[in-house]
Amino acid sequence: MSDIVRIKPGPRMSQAVVHGGLVWLAGQVGEPGESVEAQTKTILANIEALLAEAGSDKSRILQTTIWLSSMDDFAEMNAVWDAWVDPANPPARATGESKLATPDYKVEIIIVAATK
């Protein structure tokens, strides 16, 4: 019996893995070519859905890593993040600039959370 649960597994990766009271989410991206704001909103909605499926929610996020294709988009992404994040339970967070899978992706967010 495996105590590892893989959510939405595919040939390359699972969208989430649950083990030992923690859930790790794969990097989440929005719709290619959309604005930073729109991609961030899509990503955060996907994160909420995956966390719910894993038995968690945004108040249980422990760590967030955010990759931006350009740090020039930091304020635009943060405006969406700040409206979404649980202000009573903000996670540890790091944000950096990186080339993403395609130039049409502007934001990628990676989450580690505790299950309930």
C-alpha atoms as a PDB file:
ATOM      1  CA  MET A   1       0.000   0.000   0.000  1.00  0.00           C
ATOM      2  CA  SER A   2       1.446   3.334  -1.065  1.00  0.00           C
ATOM      3  CA  ASP A   3       1.164   6.349   1.164  1.00  0.00           C
ATOM      4  CA  ILE A   4       2.012   8.583  -1.793  1.00  0.00           C
ATOM      5  CA  VAL A   5      -0.952  10.018  -3.684  1.00  0.00           C
ATOM      6  CA  ARG A   6      -0.391  11.454  -7.158  1.00  0.00           C
ATOM      7  CA  ILE A   7      -3.026  13.877  -8.425  1.00  0.00           C
ATOM      8  CA  LYS A   8      -3.546  14.231 -12.172  1.00  0.00           C
ATOM      9  CA  PRO A   9      -0.502  12.165 -13.123  1.00  0.00           C
ATOM     10  CA  GLY A  10       0.730  12.329 -16.677  1.00  0.00           C
ATOM     11  CA  PRO A  11       3.618  10.773 -18.582  1.00  0.00           C
ATOM     12  CA  ARG A  12       6.048  13.496 -17.445  1.00  0.00           C
ATOM     13  CA  MET A  13       4.756  14.668 -14.076  1.00  0.00           C
ATOM     14  CA  SER A  14       1.873  14.791 -11.644  1.00  0.00           C
ATOM     15  CA  GLN A  15       0.110  18.089 -10.984  1.00  0.00           C
ATOM     16  CA  ALA A  16       0.346  17.394  -7.243  1.00  0.00           C
ATOM     17  CA  VAL A  17       1.861  14.789  -4.935  1.00  0.00           C
ATOM     18  CA  VAL A  18       0.634  14.198  -1.376  1.00  0.00           C
ATOM     19  CA  HIS A  19       2.816  12.453   1.208  1.00  0.00           C
ATOM     20  CA  GLY A  20       3.435  12.719   4.927  1.00  0.00           C
ATOM     21  CA  GLY A  21       0.952  15.520   5.528  1.00  0.00           C
ATOM     22  CA  LEU A  22       2.375  17.696   2.753  1.00  0.00           C
ATOM     23  CA  VAL A  23       1.321  18.476  -0.796  1.00  0.00           C
ATOM     24  CA  TRP A  24       3.733  19.563  -3.510  1.00  0.00           C
ATOM     25  CA  LEU A  25       2.273  21.216  -6.585  1.00  0.00           C
ATOM     26  CA  ALA A  26       3.944  21.179  -9.971  1.00  0.00           C
ATOM     27  CA  GLY A  27       4.706  24.592 -11.407  1.00  0.00           C
ATOM     28  CA  GLN A  28       1.407  26.126 -12.465  1.00  0.00           C
ATOM     29  CA  VAL A  29       1.125  28.389 -15.505  1.00  0.00           C
ATOM     30  CA  GLY A  30      -1.718  30.323 -17.100  1.00  0.00           C
ATOM     31  CA  GLU A  31      -2.848  30.635 -20.683  1.00  0.00           C
ATOM     32  CA  PRO A  32       0.078  31.391 -23.007  1.00  0.00           C
ATOM     33  CA  GLY A  33       0.044  34.915 -24.389  1.00  0.00           C
ATOM     34  CA  GLU A  34      -2.352  36.374 -21.811  1.00  0.00           C
ATOM     35  CA  SER A  35      -1.365  39.275 -19.584  1.00  0.00           C
ATOM     36  CA  VAL A  36       0.564  38.774 -16.356  1.00  0.00           C
ATOM     37  CA  GLU A  37      -2.623  39.631 -14.434  1.00  0.00           C
ATOM     38  CA  ALA A  38      -4.732  37.086 -16.344  1.00  0.00           C
ATOM     39  CA  GLN A  39      -2.076  34.351 -16.108  1.00  0.00           C
ATOM     40  CA  THR A  40      -1.681  34.930 -12.371  1.00  0.00           C
ATOM     41  CA  LYS A  41      -5.453  34.742 -11.794  1.00  0.00           C
ATOM     42  CA  THR A  42      -5.657  31.478 -13.754  1.00  0.00           C
ATOM     43  CA  ILE A  43      -2.685  30.028 -11.874  1.00  0.00           C
ATOM     44  CA  LEU A  44      -4.144  30.889  -8.465  1.00  0.00           C
ATOM     45  CA  ALA A  45      -7.511  29.356  -9.399  1.00  0.00           C
ATOM     46  CA  ASN A  46      -5.696  26.171 -10.488  1.00  0.00           C
ATOM     47  CA  ILE A  47      -3.737  26.146  -7.230  1.00  0.00           C
ATOM     48  CA  GLU A  48      -6.938  26.433  -5.188  1.00  0.00           C
ATOM     49  CA  ALA A  49      -8.510  23.532  -7.092  1.00  0.00           C
ATOM     50  CA  LEU A  50      -5.445  21.302  -6.720  1.00  0.00           C
ATOM     51  CA  LEU A  51      -5.099  22.112  -3.022  1.00  0.00           C
ATOM     52  CA  ALA A  52      -8.773  21.261  -2.463  1.00  0.00           C
ATOM     53  CA  GLU A  53      -8.336  17.949  -4.285  1.00  0.00           C
ATOM     54  CA  ALA A  54      -5.296  17.238  -2.090  1.00  0.00           C
ATOM     55  CA  GLY A  55      -7.190  18.034   1.124  1.00  0.00           C
ATOM     56  CA  SER A  56      -5.700  21.467   1.716  1.00  0.00           C
ATOM     57  CA  ASP A  57      -6.390  25.141   1.017  1.00  0.00           C
ATOM     58  CA  LYS A  58      -4.511  28.415   0.619  1.00  0.00           C
ATOM     59  CA  SER A  59      -4.412  28.990   4.397  1.00  0.00           C
ATOM     60  CA  ARG A  60      -2.176  25.883   4.612  1.00  0.00           C
ATOM     61  CA  ILE A  61       0.460  27.018   2.082  1.00  0.00           C
ATOM     62  CA  LEU A  62       3.924  26.784   3.617  1.00  0.00           C
ATOM     63  CA  GLN A  63       6.145  27.929   0.766  1.00  0.00           C
ATOM     64  CA  THR A  64       5.677  29.582  -2.603  1.00  0.00           C
ATOM     65  CA  THR A  65       8.204  30.022  -5.380  1.00  0.00           C
ATOM     66  CA  ILE A  66       7.230  32.434  -8.134  1.00  0.00           C
ATOM     67  CA  TRP A  67       9.091  32.680 -11.421  1.00  0.00           C
ATOM     68  CA  LEU A  68       8.519  35.691 -13.654  1.00  0.00           C
ATOM     69  CA  SER A  69       9.823  35.943 -17.204  1.00  0.00           C
ATOM     70  CA  SER A  70      10.625  39.575 -16.330  1.00  0.00           C
ATOM     71  CA  MET A  71      10.929  41.251 -12.942  1.00  0.00           C
ATOM     72  CA  ASP A  72       9.321  44.249 -14.662  1.00  0.00           C
ATOM     73  CA  ASP A  73       6.048  42.339 -14.058  1.00  0.00           C
ATOM     74  CA  PHE A  74       6.585  42.054 -10.278  1.00  0.00           C
ATOM     75  CA  ALA A  75       4.045  44.747  -9.308  1.00  0.00           C
ATOM     76  CA  GLU A  76       1.362  43.446 -11.704  1.00  0.00           C
ATOM     77  CA  MET A  77       1.706  39.885 -10.383  1.00  0.00           C
ATOM     78  CA  ASN A  78       1.818  41.102  -6.763  1.00  0.00           C
ATOM     79  CA  ALA A  79      -1.444  43.034  -7.180  1.00  0.00           C
ATOM     80  CA  VAL A  80      -3.215  39.761  -7.991  1.00  0.00           C
ATOM     81  CA  TRP A  81      -1.293  37.757  -5.382  1.00  0.00           C
ATOM     82  CA  ASP A  82      -1.978  40.289  -2.603  1.00  0.00           C
ATOM     83  CA  ALA A  83      -5.726  40.168  -3.296  1.00  0.00           C
ATOM     84  CA  TRP A  84      -5.680  36.344  -3.220  1.00  0.00           C
ATOM     85  CA  VAL A  85      -3.289  35.273  -0.463  1.00  0.00           C
ATOM     86  CA  ASP A  86      -4.719  34.541   3.001  1.00  0.00           C
ATOM     87  CA  PRO A  87      -3.545  37.609   4.969  1.00  0.00           C
ATOM     88  CA  ALA A  88      -3.743  35.719   8.266  1.00  0.00           C
ATOM     89  CA  ASN A  89      -1.540  32.901   6.924  1.00  0.00           C
ATOM     90  CA  PRO A  90       0.960  34.227   4.386  1.00  0.00           C
ATOM     91  CA  PRO A  91       3.509  31.618   3.272  1.00  0.00           C
ATOM     92  CA  ALA A  92       7.245  31.951   3.002  1.00  0.00           C
ATOM     93  CA  ARG A  93       7.838  33.193  -0.535  1.00  0.00           C
ATOM     94  CA  ALA A  94      10.587  33.756  -3.063  1.00  0.00           C
ATOM     95  CA  THR A  95      10.250  35.440  -6.451  1.00  0.00           C
ATOM     96  CA  GLY A  96      12.813  35.421  -9.221  1.00  0.00           C
ATOM     97  CA  GLU A  97      13.271  35.982 -12.911  1.00  0.00           C
ATOM     98  CA  SER A  98      13.746  33.051 -15.249  1.00  0.00           C
ATOM     99  CA  LYS A  99      13.154  31.959 -18.808  1.00  0.00           C
ATOM    100  CA  LEU A 100       9.980  29.869 -18.696  1.00  0.00           C
ATOM    101  CA  ALA A 101       8.974  26.959 -20.956  1.00  0.00           C
ATOM    102  CA  THR A 102       7.915  29.327 -23.744  1.00  0.00           C
ATOM    103  CA  PRO A 103       8.105  33.120 -24.095  1.00  0.00           C
ATOM    104  CA  ASP A 104       4.275  33.170 -23.952  1.00  0.00           C
ATOM    105  CA  TYR A 105       4.368  32.194 -20.274  1.00  0.00           C
ATOM    106  CA  LYS A 106       4.941  35.193 -18.012  1.00  0.00           C
ATOM    107  CA  VAL A 107       4.394  33.608 -14.574  1.00  0.00           C
ATOM    108  CA  GLU A 108       4.922  30.190 -12.992  1.00  0.00           C
ATOM    109  CA  ILE A 109       4.024  29.458  -9.363  1.00  0.00           C
ATOM    110  CA  ILE A 110       5.146  26.460  -7.300  1.00  0.00           C
ATOM    111  CA  ILE A 111       3.496  25.633  -3.958  1.00  0.00           C
ATOM    112  CA  VAL A 112       4.207  23.400  -0.964  1.00  0.00           C
ATOM    113  CA  ALA A 113       1.347  23.138   1.536  1.00  0.00           C
ATOM    114  CA  ALA A 114       0.265  21.146   4.554  1.00  0.00           C
ATOM    115  CA  THR A 115      -2.799  18.946   4.292  1.00  0.00           C
ATOM    116  CA  LYS A 116      -5.639  19.313   6.792  1.00  0.00           C
END
